[in-house]
Amino acid sequence: MNPYEVLGVSPGASQEEIKKAYRELVKKYHPDQYKDNPLGDLAAEKLKEINDAYNMLTGGSGGGYNSSYSQSQGAGYADFSQIRILINQNRLSEAERMLDALNPRNAEWNYLKGVILMKRGWFTSAVNYLNTACQMDPSNMEYRNALNNLSFGANQYRAMGNNYGYNRGGMDTCDCCANLICADCLCECMGGDLIPCC
């Protein structure tokens, strides 16, 4: 791989030119651009190639994470792009380790932390992080949609539980057992068997 060709710069390019080309390519191949797109996997591969080329030319530590660049610029596109790729690949532990190493903890950081927690099924914590992301960047529709979808799903789940008598005090274990026994008796009267006995 020729890193200069990948980034589209000449071999005599300055560090500033390399950084500028790199940022533009990361924006172009950012996972947000390819959501629900069949080309998403190709874009992810291209982004990895771009990260590798950038790291080769700047002495970065690999994986799209260049610590000297991150310290001087804050959490950059490459870091969050790589974390998004890991999340999309369901490599949640790696994504979370990489995310937890980043500072400052801005809106994108909180959003990605919320997504990781949501994928793990820790919905209450996920809502807290997504809420923070929305408060930090109220105009970001991606953050808002994620929060709304998670909140809607939680409300639907709660409503479903309430319809079945949970969380209302309307049905306890004895009621549940009595209802199952009655249902089994009715099934047996009709020639079926809901609860097979010995």
C-alpha atoms as a PDB file:
ATOM      1  CA  MET A   1       0.000   0.000   0.000  1.00  0.00           C
ATOM      2  CA  ASN A   2       1.277   3.447  -0.904  1.00  0.00           C
ATOM      3  CA  PRO A   3       0.043   5.753   1.889  1.00  0.00           C
ATOM      4  CA  TYR A   4       0.525   8.852  -0.270  1.00  0.00           C
ATOM      5  CA  GLU A   5      -1.751   7.438  -2.961  1.00  0.00           C
ATOM      6  CA  VAL A   6      -4.369   6.391  -0.383  1.00  0.00           C
ATOM      7  CA  LEU A   7      -4.499   9.910   1.058  1.00  0.00           C
ATOM      8  CA  GLY A   8      -4.141  11.543  -2.359  1.00  0.00           C
ATOM      9  CA  VAL A   9      -1.079  13.612  -1.454  1.00  0.00           C
ATOM     10  CA  SER A  10       2.362  13.909  -3.011  1.00  0.00           C
ATOM     11  CA  PRO A  11       5.396  12.321  -1.321  1.00  0.00           C
ATOM     12  CA  GLY A  12       6.667  15.821  -0.488  1.00  0.00           C
ATOM     13  CA  ALA A  13       3.447  16.827   1.301  1.00  0.00           C
ATOM     14  CA  SER A  14       3.731  18.661   4.611  1.00  0.00           C
ATOM     15  CA  GLN A  15       2.214  17.302   7.828  1.00  0.00           C
ATOM     16  CA  GLU A  16      -0.517  19.956   7.543  1.00  0.00           C
ATOM     17  CA  GLU A  17      -1.398  18.828   3.998  1.00  0.00           C
ATOM     18  CA  ILE A  18      -1.477  15.199   5.139  1.00  0.00           C
ATOM     19  CA  LYS A  19      -3.754  16.062   8.078  1.00  0.00           C
ATOM     20  CA  LYS A  20      -6.048  18.106   5.848  1.00  0.00           C
ATOM     21  CA  ALA A  21      -6.355  15.311   3.266  1.00  0.00           C
ATOM     22  CA  TYR A  22      -6.896  12.787   6.027  1.00  0.00           C
ATOM     23  CA  ARG A  23      -9.711  14.802   7.660  1.00  0.00           C
ATOM     24  CA  GLU A  24     -11.491  15.238   4.322  1.00  0.00           C
ATOM     25  CA  LEU A  25     -11.312  11.505   3.549  1.00  0.00           C
ATOM     26  CA  VAL A  26     -12.531  10.571   7.039  1.00  0.00           C
ATOM     27  CA  LYS A  27     -15.532  12.870   6.572  1.00  0.00           C
ATOM     28  CA  LYS A  28     -16.204  11.299   3.167  1.00  0.00           C
ATOM     29  CA  TYR A  29     -16.061   7.703   4.433  1.00  0.00           C
ATOM     30  CA  HIS A  30     -17.509   8.347   7.904  1.00  0.00           C
ATOM     31  CA  PRO A  31     -19.989   5.602   8.976  1.00  0.00           C
ATOM     32  CA  ASP A  32     -22.771   8.205   9.237  1.00  0.00           C
ATOM     33  CA  GLN A  33     -22.599   8.637   5.474  1.00  0.00           C
ATOM     34  CA  TYR A  34     -23.299   4.930   4.903  1.00  0.00           C
ATOM     35  CA  LYS A  35     -25.983   4.073   7.436  1.00  0.00           C
ATOM     36  CA  ASP A  36     -28.312   1.384   6.050  1.00  0.00           C
ATOM     37  CA  ASN A  37     -26.293   1.437   2.837  1.00  0.00           C
ATOM     38  CA  PRO A  38     -24.980  -1.738   1.158  1.00  0.00           C
ATOM     39  CA  LEU A  39     -21.694   0.098   0.572  1.00  0.00           C
ATOM     40  CA  GLY A  40     -21.174   0.487   4.332  1.00  0.00           C
ATOM     41  CA  ASP A  41     -18.749  -2.445   4.552  1.00  0.00           C
ATOM     42  CA  LEU A  42     -16.659  -1.097   1.678  1.00  0.00           C
ATOM     43  CA  ALA A  43     -16.593   2.343   3.292  1.00  0.00           C
ATOM     44  CA  ALA A  44     -15.458   0.778   6.582  1.00  0.00           C
ATOM     45  CA  GLU A  45     -12.607  -1.024   4.781  1.00  0.00           C
ATOM     46  CA  LYS A  46     -11.635   2.189   2.987  1.00  0.00           C
ATOM     47  CA  LEU A  47     -11.652   4.082   6.291  1.00  0.00           C
ATOM     48  CA  LYS A  48      -9.353   1.461   7.820  1.00  0.00           C
ATOM     49  CA  GLU A  49      -6.999   1.845   4.857  1.00  0.00           C
ATOM     50  CA  ILE A  50      -7.097   5.644   5.290  1.00  0.00           C
ATOM     51  CA  ASN A  51      -6.332   5.313   9.015  1.00  0.00           C
ATOM     52  CA  ASP A  52      -3.442   2.936   8.298  1.00  0.00           C
ATOM     53  CA  ALA A  53      -2.005   5.279   5.655  1.00  0.00           C
ATOM     54  CA  TYR A  54      -2.303   8.268   7.974  1.00  0.00           C
ATOM     55  CA  ASN A  55      -0.623   6.375  10.811  1.00  0.00           C
ATOM     56  CA  MET A  56       2.222   5.335   8.482  1.00  0.00           C
ATOM     57  CA  LEU A  57       2.874   8.945   7.478  1.00  0.00           C
ATOM     58  CA  THR A  58       2.528  10.490  10.931  1.00  0.00           C
ATOM     59  CA  GLY A  59       3.932   7.755  13.160  1.00  0.00           C
ATOM     60  CA  GLY A  60       0.557   6.994  14.721  1.00  0.00           C
ATOM     61  CA  SER A  61      -0.106   3.946  16.885  1.00  0.00           C
ATOM     62  CA  GLY A  62      -2.463   2.133  14.505  1.00  0.00           C
ATOM     63  CA  GLY A  63      -6.193   1.508  14.391  1.00  0.00           C
ATOM     64  CA  GLY A  64      -6.951   5.112  13.501  1.00  0.00           C
ATOM     65  CA  TYR A  65      -5.801   6.351  16.874  1.00  0.00           C
ATOM     66  CA  ASN A  66      -2.892   8.752  16.793  1.00  0.00           C
ATOM     67  CA  SER A  67      -2.211   9.796  20.352  1.00  0.00           C
ATOM     68  CA  SER A  68      -0.160  12.890  19.509  1.00  0.00           C
ATOM     69  CA  TYR A  69      -2.865  14.087  17.112  1.00  0.00           C
ATOM     70  CA  SER A  70      -5.605  13.347  19.608  1.00  0.00           C
ATOM     71  CA  GLN A  71      -3.849  15.174  22.400  1.00  0.00           C
ATOM     72  CA  SER A  72      -3.344  18.267  20.271  1.00  0.00           C
ATOM     73  CA  GLN A  73      -6.731  18.253  18.528  1.00  0.00           C
ATOM     74  CA  GLY A  74      -8.984  16.519  21.028  1.00  0.00           C
ATOM     75  CA  ALA A  75     -10.938  13.416  20.087  1.00  0.00           C
ATOM     76  CA  GLY A  76     -10.802  13.519  16.288  1.00  0.00           C
ATOM     77  CA  TYR A  77     -12.918  12.045  13.542  1.00  0.00           C
ATOM     78  CA  ALA A  78     -10.630   9.027  13.246  1.00  0.00           C
ATOM     79  CA  ASP A  79     -11.157   7.980  16.848  1.00  0.00           C
ATOM     80  CA  PHE A  80     -14.927   8.190  16.714  1.00  0.00           C
ATOM     81  CA  SER A  81     -15.044   6.678  13.227  1.00  0.00           C
ATOM     82  CA  GLN A  82     -13.032   3.690  14.371  1.00  0.00           C
ATOM     83  CA  ILE A  83     -15.255   3.293  17.443  1.00  0.00           C
ATOM     84  CA  ARG A  84     -18.371   3.410  15.246  1.00  0.00           C
ATOM     85  CA  ILE A  85     -16.885   0.698  13.030  1.00  0.00           C
ATOM     86  CA  LEU A  86     -16.195  -1.484  16.080  1.00  0.00           C
ATOM     87  CA  ILE A  87     -19.755  -0.934  17.344  1.00  0.00           C
ATOM     88  CA  ASN A  88     -21.173  -1.869  13.927  1.00  0.00           C
ATOM     89  CA  GLN A  89     -19.066  -5.030  14.030  1.00  0.00           C
ATOM     90  CA  ASN A  90     -20.482  -5.732  17.520  1.00  0.00           C
ATOM     91  CA  ARG A  91     -16.977  -5.544  19.030  1.00  0.00           C
ATOM     92  CA  LEU A  92     -18.363  -3.667  22.001  1.00  0.00           C
ATOM     93  CA  SER A  93     -15.562  -4.298  24.513  1.00  0.00           C
ATOM     94  CA  GLU A  94     -12.920  -2.948  22.120  1.00  0.00           C
ATOM     95  CA  ALA A  95     -15.105   0.032  21.239  1.00  0.00           C
ATOM     96  CA  GLU A  96     -15.720   0.848  24.895  1.00  0.00           C
ATOM     97  CA  ARG A  97     -12.027   0.547  25.817  1.00  0.00           C
ATOM     98  CA  MET A  98     -11.094   2.909  23.003  1.00  0.00           C
ATOM     99  CA  LEU A  99     -13.912   5.306  23.881  1.00  0.00           C
ATOM    100  CA  ASP A 100     -13.038   5.385  27.585  1.00  0.00           C
ATOM    101  CA  ALA A 101      -9.471   6.404  26.678  1.00  0.00           C
ATOM    102  CA  LEU A 102     -10.663   9.574  24.911  1.00  0.00           C
ATOM    103  CA  ASN A 103     -10.973  13.062  26.355  1.00  0.00           C
ATOM    104  CA  PRO A 104     -12.788  15.407  26.411  1.00  0.00           C
ATOM    105  CA  ARG A 105     -16.089  13.663  26.789  1.00  0.00           C
ATOM    106  CA  ASN A 106     -18.161  15.646  24.325  1.00  0.00           C
ATOM    107  CA  ALA A 107     -21.595  15.000  22.786  1.00  0.00           C
ATOM    108  CA  GLU A 108     -20.294  12.358  20.353  1.00  0.00           C
ATOM    109  CA  TRP A 109     -18.519  10.561  23.201  1.00  0.00           C
ATOM    110  CA  ASN A 110     -21.746  10.422  25.238  1.00  0.00           C
ATOM    111  CA  TYR A 111     -23.741   9.289  22.209  1.00  0.00           C
ATOM    112  CA  LEU A 112     -21.366   6.409  21.456  1.00  0.00           C
ATOM    113  CA  LYS A 113     -21.263   5.383  25.122  1.00  0.00           C
ATOM    114  CA  GLY A 114     -25.071   5.322  25.108  1.00  0.00           C
ATOM    115  CA  VAL A 115     -25.152   3.189  21.955  1.00  0.00           C
ATOM    116  CA  ILE A 116     -22.705   0.674  23.449  1.00  0.00           C
ATOM    117  CA  LEU A 117     -24.772   0.417  26.636  1.00  0.00           C
ATOM    118  CA  MET A 118     -27.985   0.112  24.620  1.00  0.00           C
ATOM    119  CA  LYS A 119     -26.521  -2.761  22.578  1.00  0.00           C
ATOM    120  CA  ARG A 120     -25.577  -4.460  25.843  1.00  0.00           C
ATOM    121  CA  GLY A 121     -29.140  -4.107  27.135  1.00  0.00           C
ATOM    122  CA  TRP A 122     -28.334  -1.551  29.858  1.00  0.00           C
ATOM    123  CA  PHE A 123     -31.147   0.772  28.848  1.00  0.00           C
ATOM    124  CA  THR A 124     -31.338   3.045  31.903  1.00  0.00           C
ATOM    125  CA  SER A 125     -27.647   3.943  31.671  1.00  0.00           C
ATOM    126  CA  ALA A 126     -27.930   4.265  27.886  1.00  0.00           C
ATOM    127  CA  VAL A 127     -30.764   6.788  28.249  1.00  0.00           C
ATOM    128  CA  ASN A 128     -28.635   8.864  30.637  1.00  0.00           C
ATOM    129  CA  TYR A 129     -25.725   9.077  28.177  1.00  0.00           C
ATOM    130  CA  LEU A 130     -27.975   9.737  25.174  1.00  0.00           C
ATOM    131  CA  ASN A 131     -29.736  12.453  27.167  1.00  0.00           C
ATOM    132  CA  THR A 132     -26.393  14.086  27.902  1.00  0.00           C
ATOM    133  CA  ALA A 133     -25.432  13.923  24.205  1.00  0.00           C
ATOM    134  CA  CYS A 134     -28.711  15.621  23.254  1.00  0.00           C
ATOM    135  CA  GLN A 135     -28.215  18.331  25.872  1.00  0.00           C
ATOM    136  CA  MET A 136     -24.678  19.007  24.644  1.00  0.00           C
ATOM    137  CA  ASP A 137     -25.701  19.093  20.965  1.00  0.00           C
ATOM    138  CA  PRO A 138     -29.476  19.716  20.768  1.00  0.00           C
ATOM    139  CA  SER A 139     -29.490  20.123  16.977  1.00  0.00           C
ATOM    140  CA  ASN A 140     -28.038  16.650  16.268  1.00  0.00           C
ATOM    141  CA  MET A 141     -30.908  14.539  14.942  1.00  0.00           C
ATOM    142  CA  GLU A 142     -28.947  11.274  15.149  1.00  0.00           C
ATOM    143  CA  TYR A 143     -28.609  11.704  18.923  1.00  0.00           C
ATOM    144  CA  ARG A 144     -32.227  12.805  19.293  1.00  0.00           C
ATOM    145  CA  ASN A 145     -33.561   9.871  17.220  1.00  0.00           C
ATOM    146  CA  ALA A 146     -31.553   7.340  19.230  1.00  0.00           C
ATOM    147  CA  LEU A 147     -32.886   8.770  22.491  1.00  0.00           C
ATOM    148  CA  ASN A 148     -36.461   8.898  21.200  1.00  0.00           C
ATOM    149  CA  ASN A 149     -36.325   5.329  19.874  1.00  0.00           C
ATOM    150  CA  LEU A 150     -34.903   4.001  23.118  1.00  0.00           C
ATOM    151  CA  SER A 151     -37.418   5.939  25.214  1.00  0.00           C
ATOM    152  CA  PHE A 152     -40.305   4.809  22.973  1.00  0.00           C
ATOM    153  CA  GLY A 153     -39.216   1.168  23.239  1.00  0.00           C
ATOM    154  CA  ALA A 154     -38.948   1.406  27.031  1.00  0.00           C
ATOM    155  CA  ASN A 155     -42.419   2.971  27.265  1.00  0.00           C
ATOM    156  CA  GLN A 156     -43.889   0.260  25.010  1.00  0.00           C
ATOM    157  CA  TYR A 157     -42.292  -2.435  27.161  1.00  0.00           C
ATOM    158  CA  ARG A 158     -43.674  -0.822  30.327  1.00  0.00           C
ATOM    159  CA  ALA A 159     -47.139  -0.487  28.804  1.00  0.00           C
ATOM    160  CA  MET A 160     -47.097  -4.108  27.716  1.00  0.00           C
ATOM    161  CA  GLY A 161     -46.185  -5.160  31.251  1.00  0.00           C
ATOM    162  CA  ASN A 162     -48.995  -3.038  32.659  1.00  0.00           C
ATOM    163  CA  ASN A 163     -51.484  -4.656  30.277  1.00  0.00           C
ATOM    164  CA  TYR A 164     -50.576  -8.022  31.713  1.00  0.00           C
ATOM    165  CA  GLY A 165     -50.936  -6.801  35.263  1.00  0.00           C
ATOM    166  CA  TYR A 166     -47.249  -6.390  36.066  1.00  0.00           C
ATOM    167  CA  ASN A 167     -46.149  -3.315  38.004  1.00  0.00           C
ATOM    168  CA  ARG A 168     -49.782  -2.618  38.984  1.00  0.00           C
ATOM    169  CA  GLY A 169     -50.104  -5.029  41.840  1.00  0.00           C
ATOM    170  CA  GLY A 170     -52.996  -6.605  39.925  1.00  0.00           C
ATOM    171  CA  MET A 171     -51.507 -10.055  39.482  1.00  0.00           C
ATOM    172  CA  ASP A 172     -49.270 -11.948  41.841  1.00  0.00           C
ATOM    173  CA  THR A 173     -47.683 -15.392  41.657  1.00  0.00           C
ATOM    174  CA  CYS A 174     -50.724 -17.143  43.078  1.00  0.00           C
ATOM    175  CA  ASP A 175     -52.994 -15.518  40.489  1.00  0.00           C
ATOM    176  CA  CYS A 176     -50.643 -16.593  37.744  1.00  0.00           C
ATOM    177  CA  CYS A 177     -50.580 -20.215  38.947  1.00  0.00           C
ATOM    178  CA  ALA A 178     -54.354 -20.307  39.405  1.00  0.00           C
ATOM    179  CA  ASN A 179     -54.847 -18.974  35.871  1.00  0.00           C
ATOM    180  CA  LEU A 180     -52.478 -21.592  34.432  1.00  0.00           C
ATOM    181  CA  ILE A 181     -54.277 -24.406  36.284  1.00  0.00           C
ATOM    182  CA  CYS A 182     -57.662 -23.165  35.020  1.00  0.00           C
ATOM    183  CA  ALA A 183     -56.314 -22.917  31.466  1.00  0.00           C
ATOM    184  CA  ASP A 184     -54.899 -26.453  31.727  1.00  0.00           C
ATOM    185  CA  CYS A 185     -58.248 -27.803  32.951  1.00  0.00           C
ATOM    186  CA  LEU A 186     -60.071 -26.139  30.067  1.00  0.00           C
ATOM    187  CA  CYS A 187     -57.579 -27.565  27.560  1.00  0.00           C
ATOM    188  CA  GLU A 188     -57.959 -31.064  29.026  1.00  0.00           C
ATOM    189  CA  CYS A 189     -61.758 -30.779  28.793  1.00  0.00           C
ATOM    190  CA  MET A 190     -61.316 -30.122  25.077  1.00  0.00           C
ATOM    191  CA  GLY A 191     -58.899 -33.038  24.615  1.00  0.00           C
ATOM    192  CA  GLY A 192     -55.659 -31.033  24.803  1.00  0.00           C
ATOM    193  CA  ASP A 193     -53.036 -30.598  27.485  1.00  0.00           C
ATOM    194  CA  LEU A 194     -51.464 -27.214  28.287  1.00  0.00           C
ATOM    195  CA  ILE A 195     -49.320 -28.471  31.193  1.00  0.00           C
ATOM    196  CA  PRO A 196     -48.250 -32.091  30.715  1.00  0.00           C
ATOM    197  CA  CYS A 197     -48.226 -33.963  34.006  1.00  0.00           C
ATOM    198  CA  CYS A 198     -46.689 -37.325  34.867  1.00  0.00           C
END
